[in-house]
């Protein structure tokens, strides 16, 4: 199945592939593929990055057409001018307005757009198109003290890539946390057991909203000494599935499998007693019998009752609950920031414990450090029990 999302003359085309996974391409008005964009986007096949880059790139390609610039003649100054038009701080004449009526990109969006443009033009340079621009974009720098801290004990490469198009200045150093007392305020506001489960699981599990909405019942091993043999304590397995009916996907793609009905692998995350209690309350009061999809979170009302609950539904529920509780709009990722900060404080600044408790590490990052902390490590266990309000 093909879905078209029109964006000016060029458009982003979503393609439903066999097996339930999706890909994105950029096409011309008559429906033919934009060859240069397709060659670049195919490098990210099967990932959320492909979709994100498709939308950023289509805007840039439309701007190039308006400016009558081809890939062979575009210069670094042109790309800097484009970044200025969409919101970056640059000191040069910007020319005619672009994206009239739309808000300029924020810092995070500017960083993503810069990465997309650098990757696209480096890809063109690798094909022999505008090699001069490719050389100007393919820069590197010496690692800073911050880089060494992030990579633990100085285990970094001698040089790191840099992007001339990336926004300048320091990154925001303090991620947005939940307000004090937010968890209890939200729990007092919501009525459904499912919604209480969402709040407890985001708060105690440090889950991303895509991870939570993508969970299947078989991923949950909520009793001691589960059959997977990978963790003695109650836990769950975050498994990346591209074919979920609600289109929820885990960001991490750790290998996983099902053996004799038991899930093994994936990203293993410990589960608190409050999470187990919320689960049994939800399953015994609201979960529909005979739900054939096997997913954890479902719609409770309307014509789609019993169907998998999409992440957008969970986000809207939290936003409404936050407003009713006088907290403003509450976003799911604020739970994750608060969880990681609490683990880091409880673990006396142990970055390995905070990294693994929240599942922050990518596979590449894991390879560069000594390895994962043991989920049975006493310090790991103590840190989690501290933020769960338990004593052992």
Protein backbone atom coordinates (compact mmCIF):
# COMPACT_ATOMS: atom_id res chain seq x y z
CA UNK A 1 0.00 0.00 0.00
CA UNK A 2 1.26 3.49 -0.88
CA UNK A 3 0.31 6.67 0.93
CA UNK A 4 1.10 10.12 -0.47
CA UNK A 5 1.89 13.13 1.69
CA UNK A 6 1.93 16.22 -0.53
CA UNK A 7 4.56 18.86 0.25
CA UNK A 8 4.56 21.45 -2.52
CA UNK A 9 5.63 20.05 -5.90
CA UNK A 10 7.80 17.28 -4.51
CA UNK A 11 6.16 14.97 -2.04
CA UNK A 12 7.08 12.35 0.53
CA UNK A 13 5.69 8.94 -0.35
CA UNK A 14 5.17 6.32 2.34
CA UNK A 15 5.35 2.74 1.13
CA UNK A 16 3.91 -0.19 3.06
CA UNK A 17 6.27 -3.11 2.53
CA UNK A 18 5.65 -6.81 2.89
CA UNK A 19 5.85 -7.94 6.49
CA UNK A 20 4.37 -4.71 7.86
CA UNK A 21 7.45 -2.49 7.69
CA UNK A 22 7.45 0.91 6.00
CA UNK A 23 9.83 3.00 3.95
CA UNK A 24 9.77 6.58 2.67
CA UNK A 25 10.82 8.11 -0.63
CA UNK A 26 10.63 11.50 -2.33
CA UNK A 27 8.80 11.62 -5.65
CA UNK A 28 8.09 14.14 -8.38
CA UNK A 29 4.52 15.37 -9.03
CA UNK A 30 3.96 12.74 -11.73
CA UNK A 31 4.97 9.96 -9.30
CA UNK A 32 8.51 9.13 -10.42
CA UNK A 33 11.23 8.75 -7.81
CA UNK A 34 13.64 11.59 -7.12
CA UNK A 35 16.70 9.53 -7.97
CA UNK A 36 19.31 11.45 -5.96
CA UNK A 37 17.14 11.58 -2.85
CA UNK A 38 16.22 7.90 -3.18
CA UNK A 39 19.87 6.85 -3.37
CA UNK A 40 20.57 8.69 -0.13
CA UNK A 41 17.43 7.63 1.77
CA UNK A 42 17.92 3.95 0.94
CA UNK A 43 20.91 3.98 3.29
CA UNK A 44 18.42 4.32 6.16
CA UNK A 45 15.92 1.69 4.97
CA UNK A 46 13.83 0.27 7.79
CA UNK A 47 14.65 2.98 10.34
CA UNK A 48 12.83 6.01 11.69
CA UNK A 49 15.74 8.12 10.47
CA UNK A 50 14.64 7.53 6.88
CA UNK A 51 11.25 9.13 7.52
CA UNK A 52 12.75 12.07 9.42
CA UNK A 53 15.37 12.75 6.76
CA UNK A 54 12.77 12.47 3.97
CA UNK A 55 10.75 15.35 5.40
CA UNK A 56 13.77 17.56 6.04
CA UNK A 57 15.27 16.78 2.65
CA UNK A 58 12.08 17.42 0.66
CA UNK A 59 11.91 20.95 2.05
CA UNK A 60 15.52 21.59 1.05
CA UNK A 61 15.00 20.19 -2.45
CA UNK A 62 12.01 22.46 -3.00
CA UNK A 63 14.13 25.42 -1.90
CA UNK A 64 16.88 24.44 -4.34
CA UNK A 65 14.35 24.46 -7.17
CA UNK A 66 13.15 27.91 -6.25
CA UNK A 67 16.72 29.18 -6.12
CA UNK A 68 17.56 27.46 -9.47
CA UNK A 69 20.49 25.64 -7.84
CA UNK A 70 21.67 22.22 -8.98
CA UNK A 71 23.65 19.72 -6.93
CA UNK A 72 26.72 20.38 -9.07
CA UNK A 73 26.88 24.12 -8.35
CA UNK A 74 25.50 24.52 -4.82
CA UNK A 75 28.10 25.90 -2.41
CA UNK A 76 28.60 25.74 1.34
CA UNK A 77 27.46 29.37 1.58
CA UNK A 78 24.17 28.40 -0.10
CA UNK A 79 23.61 25.68 2.49
CA UNK A 80 24.44 28.11 5.31
CA UNK A 81 21.94 30.55 3.83
CA UNK A 82 19.27 27.84 3.73
CA UNK A 83 19.96 26.97 7.38
CA UNK A 84 19.56 30.66 8.22
CA UNK A 85 16.23 30.82 6.44
CA UNK A 86 14.82 27.90 8.44
CA UNK A 87 15.98 29.26 11.79
CA UNK A 88 19.75 29.12 12.33
CA UNK A 89 21.71 32.22 13.36
CA UNK A 90 23.87 33.23 10.39
CA UNK A 91 25.34 36.59 9.40
CA UNK A 92 24.56 37.00 5.73
CA UNK A 93 21.75 38.19 3.47
CA UNK A 94 19.13 35.43 3.40
CA UNK A 95 17.17 36.38 0.29
CA UNK A 96 13.46 35.75 -0.12
CA UNK A 97 11.46 34.31 2.80
CA UNK A 98 10.90 30.57 2.94
CA UNK A 99 8.36 28.45 4.82
CA UNK A 100 6.10 31.51 5.19
CA UNK A 101 3.65 31.14 8.06
CA UNK A 102 5.58 28.29 9.69
CA UNK A 103 7.66 28.51 12.84
CA UNK A 104 11.45 28.40 12.44
CA UNK A 105 13.18 25.18 13.41
CA UNK A 106 14.24 24.77 17.02
CA UNK A 107 17.75 23.76 17.97
CA UNK A 108 17.08 20.03 17.83
CA UNK A 109 15.40 20.32 14.42
CA UNK A 110 18.28 22.46 13.13
CA UNK A 111 20.79 19.82 14.26
CA UNK A 112 18.82 17.10 12.48
CA UNK A 113 18.47 19.19 9.31
CA UNK A 114 22.22 19.90 9.36
CA UNK A 115 23.01 16.18 9.71
CA UNK A 116 20.63 15.37 6.87
CA UNK A 117 22.14 17.95 4.51
CA UNK A 118 25.70 16.94 5.33
CA UNK A 119 24.90 13.28 4.75
CA UNK A 120 23.09 14.02 1.49
CA UNK A 121 25.87 16.11 -0.04
CA UNK A 122 28.59 13.74 1.15
CA UNK A 123 26.61 10.99 -0.60
CA UNK A 124 26.55 13.11 -3.77
CA UNK A 125 30.29 13.74 -3.50
CA UNK A 126 30.92 10.00 -3.20
CA UNK A 127 29.20 9.68 -6.59
CA UNK A 128 31.47 12.33 -8.11
CA UNK A 129 29.01 15.23 -7.87
CA UNK A 130 30.35 18.49 -6.36
CA UNK A 131 33.43 17.02 -4.76
CA UNK A 132 34.53 20.49 -3.62
CA UNK A 133 31.45 20.89 -1.43
CA UNK A 134 31.98 17.38 -0.08
CA UNK A 135 35.49 18.29 1.07
CA UNK A 136 34.21 21.40 2.87
CA UNK A 137 31.56 19.37 4.69
CA UNK A 138 33.80 16.40 5.54
CA UNK A 139 35.54 18.04 8.49
CA UNK A 140 36.85 16.62 11.74
CA UNK A 141 37.92 17.99 15.11
CA UNK A 142 39.89 16.93 18.15
CA UNK A 143 37.85 15.34 20.95
CA UNK A 144 36.93 17.71 23.77
CA UNK A 145 36.84 17.04 27.49
CA UNK A 146 33.06 16.61 27.23
CA UNK A 147 33.55 13.96 24.54
CA UNK A 148 35.92 12.05 26.79
CA UNK A 149 33.49 12.20 29.72
CA UNK A 150 30.65 10.95 27.55
CA UNK A 151 32.71 8.05 26.26
CA UNK A 152 33.92 7.08 29.74
CA UNK A 153 37.55 7.35 30.83
CA UNK A 154 38.79 8.86 27.58
CA UNK A 155 37.96 5.95 25.27
CA UNK A 156 37.35 8.08 22.17
CA UNK A 157 38.87 8.27 18.72
CA UNK A 158 41.69 10.68 17.98
CA UNK A 159 39.42 12.75 15.74
CA UNK A 160 35.66 13.23 15.62
CA UNK A 161 33.46 14.38 12.73
CA UNK A 162 32.06 17.90 12.82
CA UNK A 163 29.38 19.62 10.79
CA UNK A 164 29.85 23.21 9.51
CA UNK A 165 26.06 23.51 9.18
CA UNK A 166 25.23 22.51 12.77
CA UNK A 167 23.90 25.26 15.08
CA UNK A 168 26.57 27.00 17.12
CA UNK A 169 26.62 27.49 20.86
CA UNK A 170 26.21 25.17 23.86
CA UNK A 171 23.52 22.53 23.95
CA UNK A 172 20.70 22.80 26.49
CA UNK A 173 22.30 21.32 29.58
CA UNK A 174 19.18 20.63 31.61
CA UNK A 175 16.58 18.35 30.01
CA UNK A 176 13.00 19.10 30.96
CA UNK A 177 12.07 17.11 34.03
CA UNK A 178 8.67 16.35 35.52
CA UNK A 179 7.47 18.92 38.07
CA UNK A 180 7.70 17.87 41.71
CA UNK A 181 4.78 15.67 42.68
CA UNK A 182 3.76 15.19 39.04
CA UNK A 183 3.42 11.43 39.24
CA UNK A 184 1.00 11.50 42.18
CA UNK A 185 -0.90 14.42 40.69
CA UNK A 186 -1.38 12.57 37.43
CA UNK A 187 -2.43 9.34 39.16
CA UNK A 188 -5.09 11.24 41.10
CA UNK A 189 -6.42 12.78 37.90
CA UNK A 190 -6.82 9.74 35.62
CA UNK A 191 -9.63 7.20 36.02
CA UNK A 192 -8.63 4.23 33.85
CA UNK A 193 -6.35 1.46 35.10
CA UNK A 194 -4.62 1.57 31.70
CA UNK A 195 -3.74 5.23 32.19
CA UNK A 196 -2.39 4.54 35.68
CA UNK A 197 -0.27 1.77 34.17
CA UNK A 198 1.16 4.20 31.63
CA UNK A 199 2.12 6.68 34.35
CA UNK A 200 3.69 4.06 36.63
CA UNK A 201 5.57 2.33 33.83
CA UNK A 202 6.96 5.55 32.39
CA UNK A 203 8.01 6.75 35.85
CA UNK A 204 9.58 3.53 37.18
CA UNK A 205 10.77 1.98 33.92
CA UNK A 206 12.29 4.95 32.09
CA UNK A 207 10.63 3.66 28.92
CA UNK A 208 10.28 5.64 25.73
CA UNK A 209 6.65 6.02 24.68
CA UNK A 210 7.29 3.99 21.52
CA UNK A 211 8.77 1.19 23.64
CA UNK A 212 5.80 1.17 26.01
CA UNK A 213 3.11 1.23 23.31
CA UNK A 214 5.01 -1.41 21.34
CA UNK A 215 5.08 -3.98 24.14
CA UNK A 216 3.40 -7.35 23.64
CA UNK A 217 2.18 -9.49 26.51
CA UNK A 218 4.83 -12.12 25.73
CA UNK A 219 7.52 -9.48 26.35
CA UNK A 220 6.55 -9.24 30.02
CA UNK A 221 8.24 -11.56 32.51
CA UNK A 222 6.77 -10.19 35.71
CA UNK A 223 7.53 -13.08 38.07
CA UNK A 224 10.77 -14.13 39.73
CA UNK A 225 12.99 -16.54 37.78
CA UNK A 226 11.18 -16.22 34.46
CA UNK A 227 11.63 -18.85 31.78
CA UNK A 228 13.97 -16.75 29.64
CA UNK A 229 16.74 -17.25 32.21
CA UNK A 230 18.19 -13.81 31.46
CA UNK A 231 17.12 -11.99 34.61
CA UNK A 232 16.02 -13.43 37.95
CA UNK A 233 13.94 -10.39 38.92
CA UNK A 234 10.66 -9.30 37.27
CA UNK A 235 11.53 -7.65 34.00
CA UNK A 236 10.43 -6.98 30.45
CA UNK A 237 12.03 -7.30 27.03
CA UNK A 238 11.92 -4.27 24.73
CA UNK A 239 11.82 -5.76 21.22
CA UNK A 240 11.92 -3.73 18.02
CA UNK A 241 8.99 -4.74 15.80
CA UNK A 242 8.30 -2.82 12.59
CA UNK A 243 4.91 -4.47 11.97
CA UNK A 244 2.96 -3.41 15.07
CA UNK A 245 -0.65 -2.55 14.27
CA UNK A 246 -0.40 0.76 16.16
CA UNK A 247 2.90 1.60 14.41
CA UNK A 248 4.72 1.91 17.72
CA UNK A 249 8.39 0.99 17.41
CA UNK A 250 11.19 0.67 19.92
CA UNK A 251 14.14 2.87 19.08
CA UNK A 252 16.72 0.27 20.05
CA UNK A 253 17.15 -2.77 17.83
CA UNK A 254 18.76 -5.37 20.02
CA UNK A 255 18.44 -8.91 18.62
CA UNK A 256 15.57 -10.93 20.07
CA UNK A 257 13.71 -14.13 19.37
CA UNK A 258 10.87 -16.32 20.59
CA UNK A 259 11.78 -19.84 21.67
CA UNK A 260 8.90 -22.15 22.63
CA UNK A 261 6.70 -19.17 23.37
CA UNK A 262 9.31 -17.38 25.50
CA UNK A 263 10.92 -14.13 24.41
CA UNK A 264 14.67 -13.84 24.83
CA UNK A 265 17.01 -11.00 23.97
CA UNK A 266 15.96 -7.44 23.24
CA UNK A 267 16.62 -4.71 25.77
CA UNK A 268 15.99 -6.08 29.26
CA UNK A 269 14.54 -3.61 31.76
CA UNK A 270 13.78 -4.30 35.41
CA UNK A 271 10.21 -3.87 36.64
CA UNK A 272 9.17 -2.33 39.97
CA UNK A 273 6.45 -3.69 42.29
CA UNK A 274 4.30 -0.65 41.44
CA UNK A 275 4.57 -1.56 37.76
CA UNK A 276 3.53 -5.16 38.49
CA UNK A 277 0.58 -3.98 40.58
CA UNK A 278 -0.58 -1.58 37.84
CA UNK A 279 -0.31 -4.36 35.27
CA UNK A 280 -2.49 -6.83 37.22
CA UNK A 281 -5.08 -4.15 37.97
CA UNK A 282 -5.32 -3.29 34.28
CA UNK A 283 -5.38 -6.88 33.05
CA UNK A 284 -8.09 -7.96 35.52
CA UNK A 285 -10.40 -4.96 35.05
CA UNK A 286 -10.03 -3.49 31.57
CA UNK A 287 -8.07 -5.69 29.20
CA UNK A 288 -10.48 -7.25 26.66
CA UNK A 289 -10.83 -11.00 26.47
CA UNK A 290 -9.88 -12.59 23.19
CA UNK A 291 -7.72 -9.73 21.91
CA UNK A 292 -5.94 -11.45 19.06
CA UNK A 293 -3.15 -8.92 18.55
CA UNK A 294 -1.43 -9.71 21.87
CA UNK A 295 -0.33 -6.10 22.53
CA UNK A 296 -0.32 -4.62 26.02
CA UNK A 297 -2.05 -1.25 25.62
CA UNK A 298 -5.46 -1.08 23.95
CA UNK A 299 -8.19 1.41 23.15
CA UNK A 300 -10.86 1.38 25.83
CA UNK A 301 -13.74 3.17 24.11
CA UNK A 302 -15.25 3.90 20.71
CA UNK A 303 -15.45 1.88 17.54
CA UNK A 304 -11.77 0.85 17.91
CA UNK A 305 -12.18 -0.48 21.46
CA UNK A 306 -9.85 -3.41 21.99
CA UNK A 307 -7.47 -2.38 19.24
CA UNK A 308 -3.81 -1.50 20.00
CA UNK A 309 -3.37 1.98 21.47
CA UNK A 310 -1.11 4.26 19.42
CA UNK A 311 1.59 6.46 21.02
CA UNK A 312 -0.31 9.60 19.99
CA UNK A 313 -3.21 8.44 22.18
CA UNK A 314 -0.92 8.04 25.19
CA UNK A 315 0.61 11.47 24.57
CA UNK A 316 -2.83 13.10 24.42
CA UNK A 317 -3.95 11.33 27.57
CA UNK A 318 -0.92 12.62 29.48
CA UNK A 319 -1.40 16.14 28.11
CA UNK A 320 -5.04 16.19 29.23
CA UNK A 321 -4.19 14.74 32.63
CA UNK A 322 -1.39 17.26 33.09
CA UNK A 323 -3.70 20.16 32.36
CA UNK A 324 -6.36 18.84 34.75
CA UNK A 325 -3.71 18.42 37.47
CA UNK A 326 -2.46 21.97 36.96
CA UNK A 327 0.91 20.79 35.64
CA UNK A 328 0.57 22.05 32.08
CA UNK A 329 1.23 19.74 29.16
CA UNK A 330 3.11 16.66 30.40
CA UNK A 331 5.20 14.89 27.76
CA UNK A 332 6.20 11.21 28.01
CA UNK A 333 9.92 11.89 27.59
CA UNK A 334 9.96 14.02 30.74
CA UNK A 335 9.43 10.77 32.71
CA UNK A 336 12.52 9.34 31.05
CA UNK A 337 14.67 12.36 31.90
CA UNK A 338 13.48 12.30 35.51
CA UNK A 339 14.07 8.54 35.77
CA UNK A 340 17.63 8.76 34.47
CA UNK A 341 18.43 11.72 36.71
CA UNK A 342 17.07 9.87 39.75
CA UNK A 343 19.07 6.72 38.95
CA UNK A 344 22.22 8.79 38.47
CA UNK A 345 21.72 10.47 41.86
CA UNK A 346 20.93 7.18 43.61
CA UNK A 347 23.96 5.48 42.06
CA UNK A 348 26.37 8.24 43.16
CA UNK A 349 27.01 9.33 39.59
CA UNK A 350 27.73 5.86 38.18
CA UNK A 351 27.23 6.47 34.45
CA UNK A 352 27.25 2.77 33.60
CA UNK A 353 24.31 2.10 35.89
CA UNK A 354 22.34 5.12 34.64
CA UNK A 355 23.07 4.19 31.04
CA UNK A 356 21.87 0.62 31.38
CA UNK A 357 18.90 1.35 33.67
CA UNK A 358 17.51 3.70 31.02
CA UNK A 359 18.72 1.76 28.00
CA UNK A 360 20.51 4.80 26.60
CA UNK A 361 23.39 2.98 24.89
CA UNK A 362 23.43 2.23 21.18
CA UNK A 363 25.14 -0.95 19.96
CA UNK A 364 28.10 1.11 18.70
CA UNK A 365 28.51 2.78 22.08
CA UNK A 366 28.40 -0.54 23.91
CA UNK A 367 31.22 -1.84 21.71
CA UNK A 368 33.42 1.13 22.64
CA UNK A 369 33.21 0.68 26.41
CA UNK A 370 33.92 -2.17 28.76
CA UNK A 371 30.45 -3.69 28.56
CA UNK A 372 27.06 -3.67 30.18
CA UNK A 373 26.67 -3.48 33.91
CA UNK A 374 25.24 -6.69 35.38
CA UNK A 375 21.51 -6.31 36.13
CA UNK A 376 22.18 -8.31 39.33
CA UNK A 377 24.97 -5.98 40.44
CA UNK A 378 24.21 -4.89 44.05
CA UNK A 379 24.78 -1.23 43.17
CA UNK A 380 22.44 -1.52 40.17
CA UNK A 381 19.79 -3.20 42.35
CA UNK A 382 20.18 -0.65 45.14
CA UNK A 383 19.85 2.31 42.75
CA UNK A 384 16.59 1.01 41.31
CA UNK A 385 15.14 0.12 44.71
CA UNK A 386 16.02 3.59 46.02
CA UNK A 387 14.07 5.42 43.32
CA UNK A 388 11.21 2.91 43.65
CA UNK A 389 10.99 3.76 47.36
CA UNK A 390 11.94 0.28 48.52
CA UNK A 391 14.38 -0.94 51.12
CA UNK A 392 16.04 -4.31 50.98
